[in-house]
Amino acid sequence: MRRFIGTGLRGIGYTFFALASVMVAAYAFAFLKALPYNPHNPFMASFAAQGLVIPMHFFGAGLALLLAPVQASAWIRRRWPSVHRTSGWLYAGGVLAGGVAGLGMAFHAQGGWASGSGFLLLAILWLGVTGNGIRYAVIGDIARHRHWMIHSLAMTFGAVTLRVILFTGTMALELPLEPVYIFAAWASWSLNMAACELWLRWRRRTTPLRSAARAQAA
């Protein structure tokens, strides 16, 4: 019964992760296609002034987010390892493009350095964590590869968390945009990272217990 409940909860969690990732990725590509310009909108005016880093970031981050559910799927990893590897390299390319562009965008973020420093740190960590995960895959240390790439996926999913925080703060709670945006610049990825680390530690604790229970049942 516990295994059934656990499998169901994991399925619900993965479905939410996949749908949210695809929806925000679709928004990124739609935005990239239209690239609306409104001089009265501070975000649009700032984007127009930054040049190519904006489409580079939206394309790279959108690609990484679109492929995140593929990389997170144990079912795909077991049955089609070649698909996992190919999409993994494409995911890494998306992170590289999105992260490098994010480094430049951080210096022009709304809210000034209070939000820009959060985005700058995210870009640095996103690139470093993903690069380390790839390094472990190349040398064949699959356990560490998965550990680091799960953290990379958590930061990639920050694009979803960012929009949830902005919607909740500005639309639901009707708070001023700037403080909500500064909070989101830090919380959108740090909360994901904290939740990811807690989940990984919980799995390390419970995996031996589940293995022992299965051995007794057998």
N, C-alpha and C. Protein backbone atom coordinates (compact mmCIF):
# COMPACT_ATOMS: atom_id res chain seq x y z
N MET A 1 0.82 -1.20 0.00
CA MET A 1 0.00 0.00 0.00
C MET A 1 0.87 1.26 0.00
N ARG A 2 1.92 1.24 0.83
CA ARG A 2 2.81 2.40 0.88
C ARG A 2 3.50 2.61 -0.46
N ARG A 3 3.91 1.48 -1.08
CA ARG A 3 4.57 1.61 -2.38
C ARG A 3 3.60 2.20 -3.41
N PHE A 4 2.33 1.79 -3.35
CA PHE A 4 1.33 2.29 -4.28
C PHE A 4 1.13 3.80 -4.09
N ILE A 5 1.02 4.21 -2.83
CA ILE A 5 0.85 5.64 -2.54
C ILE A 5 2.08 6.43 -2.98
N GLY A 6 3.26 5.88 -2.67
CA GLY A 6 4.50 6.56 -3.04
C GLY A 6 4.64 6.71 -4.55
N THR A 7 4.29 5.64 -5.29
CA THR A 7 4.35 5.70 -6.74
C THR A 7 3.37 6.74 -7.29
N GLY A 8 2.18 6.78 -6.69
CA GLY A 8 1.18 7.75 -7.13
C GLY A 8 1.62 9.18 -6.89
N LEU A 9 2.19 9.44 -5.72
CA LEU A 9 2.66 10.79 -5.40
C LEU A 9 3.80 11.21 -6.33
N ARG A 10 4.71 10.26 -6.61
CA ARG A 10 5.81 10.59 -7.53
C ARG A 10 5.26 10.89 -8.93
N GLY A 11 4.24 10.12 -9.34
CA GLY A 11 3.63 10.36 -10.64
C GLY A 11 2.97 11.72 -10.73
N ILE A 12 2.27 12.11 -9.67
CA ILE A 12 1.63 13.43 -9.63
C ILE A 12 2.69 14.54 -9.66
N GLY A 13 3.74 14.35 -8.86
CA GLY A 13 4.81 15.34 -8.83
C GLY A 13 5.49 15.50 -10.17
N TYR A 14 5.77 14.37 -10.83
CA TYR A 14 6.43 14.43 -12.14
C TYR A 14 5.52 15.08 -13.17
N THR A 15 4.23 14.75 -13.12
CA THR A 15 3.28 15.34 -14.08
C THR A 15 3.23 16.86 -13.92
N PHE A 16 3.17 17.33 -12.68
CA PHE A 16 3.17 18.77 -12.44
C PHE A 16 4.47 19.40 -12.95
N PHE A 17 5.60 18.76 -12.64
CA PHE A 17 6.90 19.26 -13.08
C PHE A 17 6.95 19.36 -14.61
N ALA A 18 6.50 18.30 -15.28
CA ALA A 18 6.56 18.26 -16.74
C ALA A 18 5.64 19.30 -17.38
N LEU A 19 4.39 19.36 -16.91
CA LEU A 19 3.43 20.30 -17.50
C LEU A 19 3.87 21.75 -17.28
N ALA A 20 4.30 22.06 -16.06
CA ALA A 20 4.73 23.43 -15.76
C ALA A 20 5.95 23.80 -16.58
N SER A 21 6.89 22.87 -16.73
CA SER A 21 8.10 23.14 -17.51
C SER A 21 7.75 23.40 -18.97
N VAL A 22 6.91 22.56 -19.55
CA VAL A 22 6.55 22.71 -20.97
C VAL A 22 5.77 24.00 -21.19
N MET A 23 4.88 24.36 -20.26
CA MET A 23 4.09 25.58 -20.42
C MET A 23 4.97 26.82 -20.39
N VAL A 24 5.90 26.89 -19.46
CA VAL A 24 6.76 28.07 -19.37
C VAL A 24 7.76 28.09 -20.54
N ALA A 25 8.22 26.91 -20.97
CA ALA A 25 9.09 26.85 -22.15
C ALA A 25 8.34 27.36 -23.38
N ALA A 26 7.08 26.96 -23.53
CA ALA A 26 6.27 27.43 -24.66
C ALA A 26 6.10 28.94 -24.60
N TYR A 27 5.92 29.48 -23.40
CA TYR A 27 5.83 30.94 -23.25
C TYR A 27 7.13 31.61 -23.68
N ALA A 28 8.27 31.02 -23.30
CA ALA A 28 9.56 31.59 -23.66
C ALA A 28 9.74 31.64 -25.18
N PHE A 29 9.38 30.55 -25.86
CA PHE A 29 9.53 30.52 -27.32
C PHE A 29 8.54 31.45 -28.00
N ALA A 30 7.32 31.56 -27.44
CA ALA A 30 6.34 32.49 -28.01
C ALA A 30 6.80 33.93 -27.83
N PHE A 31 7.37 34.22 -26.66
CA PHE A 31 7.90 35.56 -26.41
C PHE A 31 9.07 35.85 -27.34
N LEU A 32 9.90 34.84 -27.55
CA LEU A 32 11.06 34.99 -28.44
C LEU A 32 10.62 35.29 -29.86
N LYS A 33 9.53 34.67 -30.29
CA LYS A 33 9.04 34.88 -31.66
C LYS A 33 8.47 36.27 -31.83
N ALA A 34 7.75 36.74 -30.80
CA ALA A 34 7.08 38.04 -30.92
C ALA A 34 7.99 39.20 -30.51
N LEU A 35 8.77 38.99 -29.44
CA LEU A 35 9.63 40.03 -28.86
C LEU A 35 8.90 41.39 -28.81
N PRO A 36 7.81 41.46 -28.04
CA PRO A 36 7.02 42.70 -28.00
C PRO A 36 7.83 43.85 -27.40
N TYR A 37 7.62 45.04 -27.95
CA TYR A 37 8.32 46.22 -27.43
C TYR A 37 7.30 47.26 -27.01
N ASN A 38 7.38 47.67 -25.77
CA ASN A 38 6.52 48.72 -25.24
C ASN A 38 7.39 49.66 -24.42
N PRO A 39 7.63 50.88 -24.90
CA PRO A 39 8.53 51.79 -24.18
C PRO A 39 8.03 52.18 -22.80
N HIS A 40 6.73 51.97 -22.57
CA HIS A 40 6.17 52.30 -21.26
C HIS A 40 6.28 51.15 -20.26
N ASN A 41 6.70 49.99 -20.76
CA ASN A 41 6.91 48.82 -19.90
C ASN A 41 8.41 48.74 -19.58
N PRO A 42 8.80 48.86 -18.29
CA PRO A 42 10.23 48.88 -17.97
C PRO A 42 10.96 47.61 -18.37
N PHE A 43 10.28 46.46 -18.30
CA PHE A 43 10.91 45.20 -18.70
C PHE A 43 11.19 45.20 -20.20
N MET A 44 10.20 45.60 -21.00
CA MET A 44 10.37 45.59 -22.45
C MET A 44 11.43 46.61 -22.89
N ALA A 45 11.43 47.77 -22.27
CA ALA A 45 12.43 48.78 -22.61
C ALA A 45 13.83 48.29 -22.28
N SER A 46 13.97 47.64 -21.13
CA SER A 46 15.27 47.11 -20.74
C SER A 46 15.72 45.99 -21.67
N PHE A 47 14.79 45.12 -22.06
CA PHE A 47 15.12 44.03 -22.98
C PHE A 47 15.60 44.57 -24.33
N ALA A 48 14.91 45.61 -24.82
CA ALA A 48 15.27 46.16 -26.12
C ALA A 48 16.68 46.75 -26.09
N ALA A 49 17.10 47.29 -24.96
CA ALA A 49 18.41 47.92 -24.85
C ALA A 49 19.55 46.91 -24.73
N GLN A 50 19.22 45.66 -24.40
CA GLN A 50 20.27 44.67 -24.13
C GLN A 50 20.70 43.87 -25.35
N GLY A 51 19.97 43.97 -26.43
CA GLY A 51 20.41 43.33 -27.66
C GLY A 51 20.22 41.82 -27.69
N LEU A 52 21.22 41.11 -28.19
CA LEU A 52 21.10 39.69 -28.49
C LEU A 52 21.05 38.79 -27.25
N VAL A 53 21.48 39.30 -26.09
CA VAL A 53 21.47 38.43 -24.91
C VAL A 53 20.05 38.02 -24.53
N ILE A 54 19.06 38.84 -24.88
CA ILE A 54 17.67 38.51 -24.54
C ILE A 54 17.18 37.29 -25.32
N PRO A 55 17.22 37.30 -26.66
CA PRO A 55 16.80 36.07 -27.37
C PRO A 55 17.69 34.88 -27.05
N MET A 56 18.97 35.11 -26.80
CA MET A 56 19.87 34.02 -26.44
C MET A 56 19.44 33.38 -25.12
N HIS A 57 19.06 34.21 -24.15
CA HIS A 57 18.63 33.67 -22.85
C HIS A 57 17.29 32.95 -22.97
N PHE A 58 16.33 33.57 -23.66
CA PHE A 58 15.02 32.95 -23.76
C PHE A 58 15.08 31.64 -24.54
N PHE A 59 15.90 31.59 -25.60
CA PHE A 59 16.02 30.35 -26.34
C PHE A 59 16.72 29.28 -25.51
N GLY A 60 17.87 29.62 -24.91
CA GLY A 60 18.63 28.63 -24.14
C GLY A 60 17.86 28.12 -22.93
N ALA A 61 17.32 29.05 -22.14
CA ALA A 61 16.57 28.65 -20.95
C ALA A 61 15.30 27.91 -21.33
N GLY A 62 14.64 28.35 -22.42
CA GLY A 62 13.44 27.65 -22.87
C GLY A 62 13.74 26.23 -23.31
N LEU A 63 14.85 26.05 -24.03
CA LEU A 63 15.24 24.70 -24.47
C LEU A 63 15.55 23.81 -23.28
N ALA A 64 16.30 24.34 -22.31
CA ALA A 64 16.64 23.56 -21.11
C ALA A 64 15.38 23.17 -20.34
N LEU A 65 14.45 24.11 -20.23
CA LEU A 65 13.21 23.83 -19.50
C LEU A 65 12.35 22.82 -20.24
N LEU A 66 12.33 22.91 -21.57
CA LEU A 66 11.54 21.96 -22.36
C LEU A 66 12.07 20.53 -22.22
N LEU A 67 13.41 20.40 -22.12
CA LEU A 67 14.03 19.07 -22.02
C LEU A 67 14.15 18.58 -20.60
N ALA A 68 13.88 19.42 -19.61
CA ALA A 68 14.01 19.02 -18.21
C ALA A 68 13.17 17.79 -17.87
N PRO A 69 11.90 17.68 -18.32
CA PRO A 69 11.13 16.47 -18.01
C PRO A 69 11.73 15.20 -18.61
N VAL A 70 12.34 15.32 -19.80
CA VAL A 70 12.99 14.16 -20.41
C VAL A 70 14.16 13.71 -19.56
N GLN A 71 14.96 14.67 -19.08
CA GLN A 71 16.12 14.34 -18.26
C GLN A 71 15.72 13.80 -16.90
N ALA A 72 14.58 14.21 -16.40
CA ALA A 72 14.14 13.77 -15.07
C ALA A 72 13.45 12.42 -15.09
N SER A 73 13.13 11.91 -16.27
CA SER A 73 12.35 10.67 -16.39
C SER A 73 13.24 9.44 -16.24
N ALA A 74 13.05 8.69 -15.17
CA ALA A 74 13.78 7.43 -14.99
C ALA A 74 13.33 6.40 -16.02
N TRP A 75 12.07 6.48 -16.43
CA TRP A 75 11.53 5.54 -17.43
C TRP A 75 12.26 5.71 -18.76
N ILE A 76 12.44 6.95 -19.21
CA ILE A 76 13.18 7.19 -20.44
C ILE A 76 14.63 6.79 -20.28
N ARG A 77 15.21 7.09 -19.14
CA ARG A 77 16.62 6.78 -18.90
C ARG A 77 16.88 5.28 -18.97
N ARG A 78 15.94 4.47 -18.46
CA ARG A 78 16.12 3.02 -18.47
C ARG A 78 15.86 2.42 -19.85
N ARG A 79 14.80 2.86 -20.52
CA ARG A 79 14.39 2.23 -21.77
C ARG A 79 15.11 2.79 -22.99
N TRP A 80 15.41 4.08 -22.99
CA TRP A 80 16.05 4.72 -24.13
C TRP A 80 17.23 5.56 -23.65
N PRO A 81 18.29 4.92 -23.20
CA PRO A 81 19.44 5.69 -22.71
C PRO A 81 20.04 6.62 -23.75
N SER A 82 19.94 6.26 -25.03
CA SER A 82 20.47 7.13 -26.08
C SER A 82 19.68 8.43 -26.16
N VAL A 83 18.36 8.35 -25.94
CA VAL A 83 17.52 9.56 -25.91
C VAL A 83 17.92 10.44 -24.73
N HIS A 84 18.16 9.80 -23.59
CA HIS A 84 18.58 10.54 -22.40
C HIS A 84 19.90 11.26 -22.65
N ARG A 85 20.85 10.57 -23.28
CA ARG A 85 22.16 11.18 -23.53
C ARG A 85 22.06 12.32 -24.54
N THR A 86 21.32 12.09 -25.63
CA THR A 86 21.21 13.14 -26.65
C THR A 86 20.50 14.38 -26.11
N SER A 87 19.38 14.15 -25.42
CA SER A 87 18.67 15.30 -24.85
C SER A 87 19.49 15.95 -23.74
N GLY A 88 20.34 15.16 -23.10
CA GLY A 88 21.21 15.71 -22.06
C GLY A 88 22.21 16.71 -22.63
N TRP A 89 22.80 16.38 -23.77
CA TRP A 89 23.73 17.31 -24.41
C TRP A 89 23.00 18.56 -24.90
N LEU A 90 21.79 18.38 -25.43
CA LEU A 90 21.00 19.54 -25.85
C LEU A 90 20.61 20.39 -24.65
N TYR A 91 20.25 19.73 -23.55
CA TYR A 91 19.93 20.44 -22.31
C TYR A 91 21.13 21.26 -21.85
N ALA A 92 22.31 20.64 -21.87
CA ALA A 92 23.53 21.35 -21.44
C ALA A 92 23.81 22.55 -22.34
N GLY A 93 23.56 22.39 -23.66
CA GLY A 93 23.72 23.51 -24.57
C GLY A 93 22.77 24.65 -24.26
N GLY A 94 21.53 24.30 -23.89
CA GLY A 94 20.56 25.31 -23.49
C GLY A 94 20.98 26.04 -22.23
N VAL A 95 21.50 25.29 -21.25
CA VAL A 95 21.97 25.90 -20.02
C VAL A 95 23.15 26.83 -20.32
N LEU A 96 24.06 26.40 -21.19
CA LEU A 96 25.21 27.23 -21.53
C LEU A 96 24.77 28.56 -22.15
N ALA A 97 23.85 28.49 -23.13
CA ALA A 97 23.38 29.71 -23.77
C ALA A 97 22.59 30.58 -22.79
N GLY A 98 21.67 29.96 -22.06
CA GLY A 98 20.85 30.72 -21.12
C GLY A 98 21.66 31.29 -19.97
N GLY A 99 22.64 30.51 -19.47
CA GLY A 99 23.45 30.98 -18.35
C GLY A 99 24.40 32.09 -18.73
N VAL A 100 25.07 31.97 -19.87
CA VAL A 100 25.99 33.02 -20.32
C VAL A 100 25.22 34.32 -20.57
N ALA A 101 24.06 34.21 -21.23
CA ALA A 101 23.24 35.41 -21.45
C ALA A 101 22.75 35.97 -20.12
N GLY A 102 22.42 35.08 -19.18
CA GLY A 102 21.95 35.53 -17.87
C GLY A 102 23.00 36.33 -17.11
N LEU A 103 24.26 36.02 -17.34
CA LEU A 103 25.34 36.79 -16.69
C LEU A 103 25.26 38.25 -17.09
N GLY A 104 25.02 38.49 -18.38
CA GLY A 104 24.92 39.87 -18.84
C GLY A 104 23.62 40.53 -18.42
N MET A 105 22.53 39.78 -18.47
CA MET A 105 21.23 40.34 -18.10
C MET A 105 21.16 40.75 -16.64
N ALA A 106 21.92 40.08 -15.79
CA ALA A 106 21.87 40.37 -14.36
C ALA A 106 22.25 41.81 -14.04
N PHE A 107 23.10 42.40 -14.86
CA PHE A 107 23.55 43.78 -14.62
C PHE A 107 22.51 44.81 -15.04
N HIS A 108 21.44 44.36 -15.68
CA HIS A 108 20.38 45.27 -16.12
C HIS A 108 19.03 44.89 -15.51
N ALA A 109 19.04 44.09 -14.46
CA ALA A 109 17.79 43.57 -13.89
C ALA A 109 16.97 44.69 -13.24
N GLN A 110 15.66 44.55 -13.34
CA GLN A 110 14.78 45.46 -12.63
C GLN A 110 15.01 45.30 -11.13
N GLY A 111 15.00 46.42 -10.40
CA GLY A 111 15.28 46.37 -8.97
C GLY A 111 16.74 46.61 -8.66
N GLY A 112 17.56 46.83 -9.72
CA GLY A 112 18.96 47.16 -9.49
C GLY A 112 19.77 45.97 -8.98
N TRP A 113 20.80 46.28 -8.23
CA TRP A 113 21.72 45.25 -7.77
C TRP A 113 21.08 44.29 -6.77
N ALA A 114 20.02 44.72 -6.09
CA ALA A 114 19.34 43.84 -5.13
C ALA A 114 18.79 42.60 -5.80
N SER A 115 18.22 42.76 -6.98
CA SER A 115 17.73 41.59 -7.73
C SER A 115 18.81 41.05 -8.67
N GLY A 116 19.61 41.95 -9.25
CA GLY A 116 20.63 41.53 -10.20
C GLY A 116 21.65 40.59 -9.60
N SER A 117 22.01 40.79 -8.34
CA SER A 117 22.98 39.90 -7.69
C SER A 117 22.41 38.50 -7.52
N GLY A 118 21.10 38.42 -7.28
CA GLY A 118 20.46 37.11 -7.17
C GLY A 118 20.50 36.37 -8.50
N PHE A 119 20.18 37.08 -9.58
CA PHE A 119 20.22 36.46 -10.90
C PHE A 119 21.65 36.14 -11.33
N LEU A 120 22.60 36.99 -10.95
CA LEU A 120 24.00 36.74 -11.30
C LEU A 120 24.50 35.46 -10.62
N LEU A 121 24.18 35.32 -9.33
CA LEU A 121 24.59 34.11 -8.62
C LEU A 121 23.92 32.88 -9.20
N LEU A 122 22.65 33.01 -9.58
CA LEU A 122 21.95 31.89 -10.21
C LEU A 122 22.65 31.47 -11.50
N ALA A 123 23.02 32.43 -12.35
CA ALA A 123 23.66 32.10 -13.62
C ALA A 123 24.99 31.38 -13.39
N ILE A 124 25.77 31.87 -12.42
CA ILE A 124 27.07 31.25 -12.13
C ILE A 124 26.88 29.82 -11.62
N LEU A 125 25.96 29.64 -10.68
CA LEU A 125 25.72 28.31 -10.12
C LEU A 125 25.12 27.38 -11.17
N TRP A 126 24.22 27.88 -11.98
CA TRP A 126 23.57 27.07 -13.01
C TRP A 126 24.61 26.50 -13.97
N LEU A 127 25.52 27.36 -14.41
CA LEU A 127 26.58 26.91 -15.31
C LEU A 127 27.54 25.95 -14.61
N GLY A 128 27.93 26.28 -13.38
CA GLY A 128 28.91 25.45 -12.66
C GLY A 128 28.36 24.09 -12.27
N VAL A 129 27.14 24.06 -11.75
CA VAL A 129 26.53 22.80 -11.32
C VAL A 129 26.30 21.89 -12.52
N THR A 130 25.77 22.45 -13.62
CA THR A 130 25.53 21.65 -14.82
C THR A 130 26.84 21.13 -15.40
N GLY A 131 27.87 21.99 -15.44
CA GLY A 131 29.17 21.56 -15.94
C GLY A 131 29.77 20.45 -15.10
N ASN A 132 29.59 20.53 -13.79
CA ASN A 132 30.11 19.48 -12.91
C ASN A 132 29.35 18.17 -13.13
N GLY A 133 28.04 18.28 -13.34
CA GLY A 133 27.26 17.08 -13.63
C GLY A 133 27.70 16.41 -14.92
N ILE A 134 28.00 17.19 -15.93
CA ILE A 134 28.50 16.63 -17.19
C ILE A 134 29.86 15.98 -16.98
N ARG A 135 30.71 16.62 -16.19
CA ARG A 135 32.05 16.07 -15.91
C ARG A 135 31.94 14.67 -15.30
N TYR A 136 31.03 14.49 -14.35
CA TYR A 136 30.87 13.18 -13.72
C TYR A 136 30.31 12.16 -14.70
N ALA A 137 29.44 12.61 -15.63
CA ALA A 137 28.93 11.68 -16.64
C ALA A 137 30.04 11.20 -17.55
N VAL A 138 30.93 12.11 -17.94
CA VAL A 138 32.02 11.77 -18.85
C VAL A 138 32.98 10.77 -18.21
N ILE A 139 33.26 10.92 -16.91
CA ILE A 139 34.20 10.00 -16.25
C ILE A 139 33.51 8.73 -15.75
N GLY A 140 32.18 8.66 -15.93
CA GLY A 140 31.46 7.43 -15.59
C GLY A 140 30.95 7.33 -14.17
N ASP A 141 30.98 8.42 -13.41
CA ASP A 141 30.46 8.40 -12.03
C ASP A 141 28.98 8.79 -12.10
N ILE A 142 28.13 7.81 -12.36
CA ILE A 142 26.72 8.08 -12.63
C ILE A 142 25.98 8.59 -11.39
N ALA A 143 26.34 8.09 -10.21
CA ALA A 143 25.65 8.52 -8.99
C ALA A 143 25.86 10.02 -8.76
N ARG A 144 27.11 10.46 -8.87
CA ARG A 144 27.37 11.90 -8.69
C ARG A 144 26.80 12.72 -9.85
N HIS A 145 26.83 12.15 -11.03
CA HIS A 145 26.24 12.83 -12.18
C HIS A 145 24.77 13.12 -11.91
N ARG A 146 24.03 12.14 -11.45
CA ARG A 146 22.60 12.34 -11.18
C ARG A 146 22.39 13.35 -10.06
N HIS A 147 23.23 13.28 -9.03
CA HIS A 147 23.10 14.20 -7.90
C HIS A 147 23.23 15.64 -8.37
N TRP A 148 24.24 15.93 -9.17
CA TRP A 148 24.46 17.30 -9.61
C TRP A 148 23.43 17.73 -10.65
N MET A 149 23.01 16.83 -11.51
CA MET A 149 22.05 17.22 -12.53
C MET A 149 20.65 17.44 -11.95
N ILE A 150 20.34 16.76 -10.86
CA ILE A 150 19.06 17.03 -10.18
C ILE A 150 19.07 18.46 -9.66
N HIS A 151 20.20 18.90 -9.12
CA HIS A 151 20.32 20.30 -8.67
C HIS A 151 20.22 21.25 -9.87
N SER A 152 20.80 20.87 -10.99
CA SER A 152 20.69 21.70 -12.19
C SER A 152 19.24 21.84 -12.62
N LEU A 153 18.49 20.73 -12.60
CA LEU A 153 17.08 20.78 -12.96
C LEU A 153 16.29 21.66 -11.99
N ALA A 154 16.67 21.64 -10.72
CA ALA A 154 16.00 22.49 -9.74
C ALA A 154 16.19 23.97 -10.08
N MET A 155 17.40 24.33 -10.52
CA MET A 155 17.64 25.72 -10.90
C MET A 155 16.93 26.07 -12.20
N THR A 156 16.89 25.14 -13.14
CA THR A 156 16.16 25.37 -14.38
C THR A 156 14.68 25.62 -14.10
N PHE A 157 14.13 24.85 -13.16
CA PHE A 157 12.71 25.00 -12.79
C PHE A 157 12.46 26.32 -12.07
N GLY A 158 13.54 27.03 -11.72
CA GLY A 158 13.38 28.36 -11.12
C GLY A 158 12.60 29.31 -12.02
N ALA A 159 12.61 29.08 -13.35
CA ALA A 159 11.82 29.90 -14.26
C ALA A 159 10.34 29.78 -13.96
N VAL A 160 9.91 28.59 -13.55
CA VAL A 160 8.51 28.38 -13.17
C VAL A 160 8.23 29.03 -11.81
N THR A 161 9.10 28.76 -10.85
CA THR A 161 8.91 29.31 -9.51
C THR A 161 8.90 30.83 -9.53
N LEU A 162 9.75 31.42 -10.35
CA LEU A 162 9.79 32.88 -10.48
C LEU A 162 8.42 33.42 -10.86
N ARG A 163 7.79 32.80 -11.83
CA ARG A 163 6.49 33.30 -12.30
C ARG A 163 5.38 33.04 -11.28
N VAL A 164 5.48 31.94 -10.54
CA VAL A 164 4.50 31.68 -9.48
C VAL A 164 4.61 32.75 -8.40
N ILE A 165 5.85 33.09 -8.01
CA ILE A 165 6.05 34.12 -6.98
C ILE A 165 5.55 35.47 -7.47
N LEU A 166 5.88 35.83 -8.71
CA LEU A 166 5.45 37.12 -9.24
C LEU A 166 3.93 37.20 -9.33
N PHE A 167 3.30 36.13 -9.80
CA PHE A 167 1.83 36.13 -9.90
C PHE A 167 1.20 36.23 -8.52
N THR A 168 1.70 35.43 -7.58
CA THR A 168 1.14 35.43 -6.23
C THR A 168 1.31 36.79 -5.56
N GLY A 169 2.52 37.34 -5.68
CA GLY A 169 2.80 38.61 -5.00
C GLY A 169 2.09 39.79 -5.61
N THR A 170 2.12 39.92 -6.94
CA THR A 170 1.58 41.13 -7.56
C THR A 170 0.10 41.02 -7.91
N MET A 171 -0.35 39.82 -8.29
CA MET A 171 -1.75 39.67 -8.70
C MET A 171 -2.64 39.23 -7.55
N ALA A 172 -2.24 38.16 -6.85
CA ALA A 172 -3.09 37.64 -5.77
C ALA A 172 -3.04 38.53 -4.53
N LEU A 173 -1.82 38.92 -4.13
CA LEU A 173 -1.67 39.73 -2.91
C LEU A 173 -1.62 41.22 -3.18
N GLU A 174 -1.51 41.60 -4.46
CA GLU A 174 -1.49 43.00 -4.89
C GLU A 174 -0.38 43.81 -4.20
N LEU A 175 0.79 43.21 -4.13
CA LEU A 175 1.96 43.89 -3.56
C LEU A 175 2.69 44.65 -4.65
N PRO A 176 3.50 45.66 -4.29
CA PRO A 176 4.27 46.40 -5.30
C PRO A 176 5.23 45.47 -6.04
N LEU A 177 5.44 45.75 -7.32
CA LEU A 177 6.24 44.87 -8.16
C LEU A 177 7.68 44.76 -7.70
N GLU A 178 8.34 45.87 -7.41
CA GLU A 178 9.78 45.84 -7.18
C GLU A 178 10.19 44.95 -6.01
N PRO A 179 9.59 45.08 -4.81
CA PRO A 179 10.00 44.17 -3.73
C PRO A 179 9.69 42.71 -4.01
N VAL A 180 8.57 42.46 -4.69
CA VAL A 180 8.23 41.08 -5.07
C VAL A 180 9.27 40.54 -6.04
N TYR A 181 9.69 41.38 -6.99
CA TYR A 181 10.67 40.95 -7.99
C TYR A 181 12.03 40.67 -7.35
N ILE A 182 12.43 41.52 -6.41
CA ILE A 182 13.70 41.29 -5.70
C ILE A 182 13.65 39.99 -4.92
N PHE A 183 12.53 39.75 -4.23
CA PHE A 183 12.37 38.50 -3.49
C PHE A 183 12.41 37.30 -4.44
N ALA A 184 11.72 37.43 -5.58
CA ALA A 184 11.68 36.32 -6.54
C ALA A 184 13.05 36.04 -7.14
N ALA A 185 13.86 37.08 -7.31
CA ALA A 185 15.20 36.91 -7.90
C ALA A 185 16.06 35.98 -7.05
N TRP A 186 15.83 35.96 -5.76
CA TRP A 186 16.58 35.08 -4.86
C TRP A 186 15.83 33.79 -4.54
N ALA A 187 14.53 33.92 -4.25
CA ALA A 187 13.76 32.77 -3.77
C ALA A 187 13.43 31.77 -4.85
N SER A 188 13.30 32.22 -6.11
CA SER A 188 12.83 31.33 -7.18
C SER A 188 13.75 30.14 -7.38
N TRP A 189 15.05 30.32 -7.14
CA TRP A 189 15.98 29.21 -7.32
C TRP A 189 16.50 28.66 -5.99
N SER A 190 16.66 29.52 -4.98
CA SER A 190 17.19 29.02 -3.70
C SER A 190 16.19 28.11 -3.00
N LEU A 191 14.90 28.41 -3.10
CA LEU A 191 13.89 27.53 -2.51
C LEU A 191 13.88 26.19 -3.23
N ASN A 192 14.01 26.21 -4.55
CA ASN A 192 14.08 24.96 -5.31
C ASN A 192 15.28 24.13 -4.91
N MET A 193 16.43 24.79 -4.73
CA MET A 193 17.65 24.09 -4.35
C MET A 193 17.51 23.48 -2.96
N ALA A 194 16.91 24.22 -2.04
CA ALA A 194 16.72 23.71 -0.67
C ALA A 194 15.78 22.50 -0.68
N ALA A 195 14.68 22.61 -1.42
CA ALA A 195 13.74 21.49 -1.51
C ALA A 195 14.40 20.28 -2.16
N CYS A 196 15.21 20.52 -3.17
CA CYS A 196 15.92 19.44 -3.86
C CYS A 196 16.87 18.73 -2.91
N GLU A 197 17.64 19.49 -2.14
CA GLU A 197 18.60 18.88 -1.21
C GLU A 197 17.89 18.09 -0.12
N LEU A 198 16.78 18.61 0.40
CA LEU A 198 16.01 17.89 1.42
C LEU A 198 15.47 16.57 0.85
N TRP A 199 14.99 16.61 -0.40
CA TRP A 199 14.46 15.40 -1.04
C TRP A 199 15.56 14.37 -1.23
N LEU A 200 16.73 14.80 -1.67
CA LEU A 200 17.84 13.87 -1.88
C LEU A 200 18.28 13.24 -0.57
N ARG A 201 18.33 14.03 0.49
CA ARG A 201 18.72 13.47 1.80
C ARG A 201 17.67 12.50 2.30
N TRP A 202 16.40 12.80 2.07
CA TRP A 202 15.33 11.89 2.48
C TRP A 202 15.44 10.57 1.72
N ARG A 203 15.75 10.64 0.42
CA ARG A 203 15.91 9.42 -0.37
C ARG A 203 17.09 8.59 0.10
N ARG A 204 18.19 9.23 0.47
CA ARG A 204 19.35 8.49 0.97
C ARG A 204 19.02 7.78 2.28
N ARG A 205 18.16 8.37 3.07
CA ARG A 205 17.78 7.74 4.34
C ARG A 205 16.82 6.60 4.15
N THR A 206 15.87 6.77 3.23
CA THR A 206 14.80 5.78 3.10
C THR A 206 15.14 4.64 2.14
N THR A 207 16.08 4.85 1.23
CA THR A 207 16.41 3.79 0.27
C THR A 207 16.89 2.51 0.94
N PRO A 208 17.81 2.57 1.92
CA PRO A 208 18.19 1.32 2.60
C PRO A 208 17.03 0.64 3.30
N LEU A 209 16.10 1.44 3.86
CA LEU A 209 14.95 0.86 4.54
C LEU A 209 14.03 0.16 3.55
N ARG A 210 13.83 0.78 2.38
CA ARG A 210 12.98 0.15 1.37
C ARG A 210 13.63 -1.13 0.84
N SER A 211 14.95 -1.11 0.66
CA SER A 211 15.65 -2.29 0.18
C SER A 211 15.53 -3.44 1.17
N ALA A 212 15.67 -3.11 2.47
CA ALA A 212 15.55 -4.14 3.50
C ALA A 212 14.14 -4.71 3.56
N ALA A 213 13.15 -3.83 3.38
CA ALA A 213 11.76 -4.30 3.41
C ALA A 213 11.47 -5.23 2.23
N ARG A 214 11.99 -4.89 1.06
CA ARG A 214 11.79 -5.76 -0.10
C ARG A 214 12.49 -7.10 0.07
N ALA A 215 13.68 -7.07 0.69
CA ALA A 215 14.43 -8.32 0.92
C ALA A 215 13.66 -9.23 1.89
N GLN A 216 13.06 -8.66 2.92
CA GLN A 216 12.28 -9.45 3.87
C GLN A 216 11.04 -10.03 3.21
N ALA A 217 10.40 -9.20 2.35
CA ALA A 217 9.18 -9.68 1.69
C ALA A 217 9.49 -10.82 0.72
N ALA A 218 10.68 -10.76 0.12
CA ALA A 218 11.06 -11.82 -0.81
C ALA A 218 11.39 -13.11 -0.07
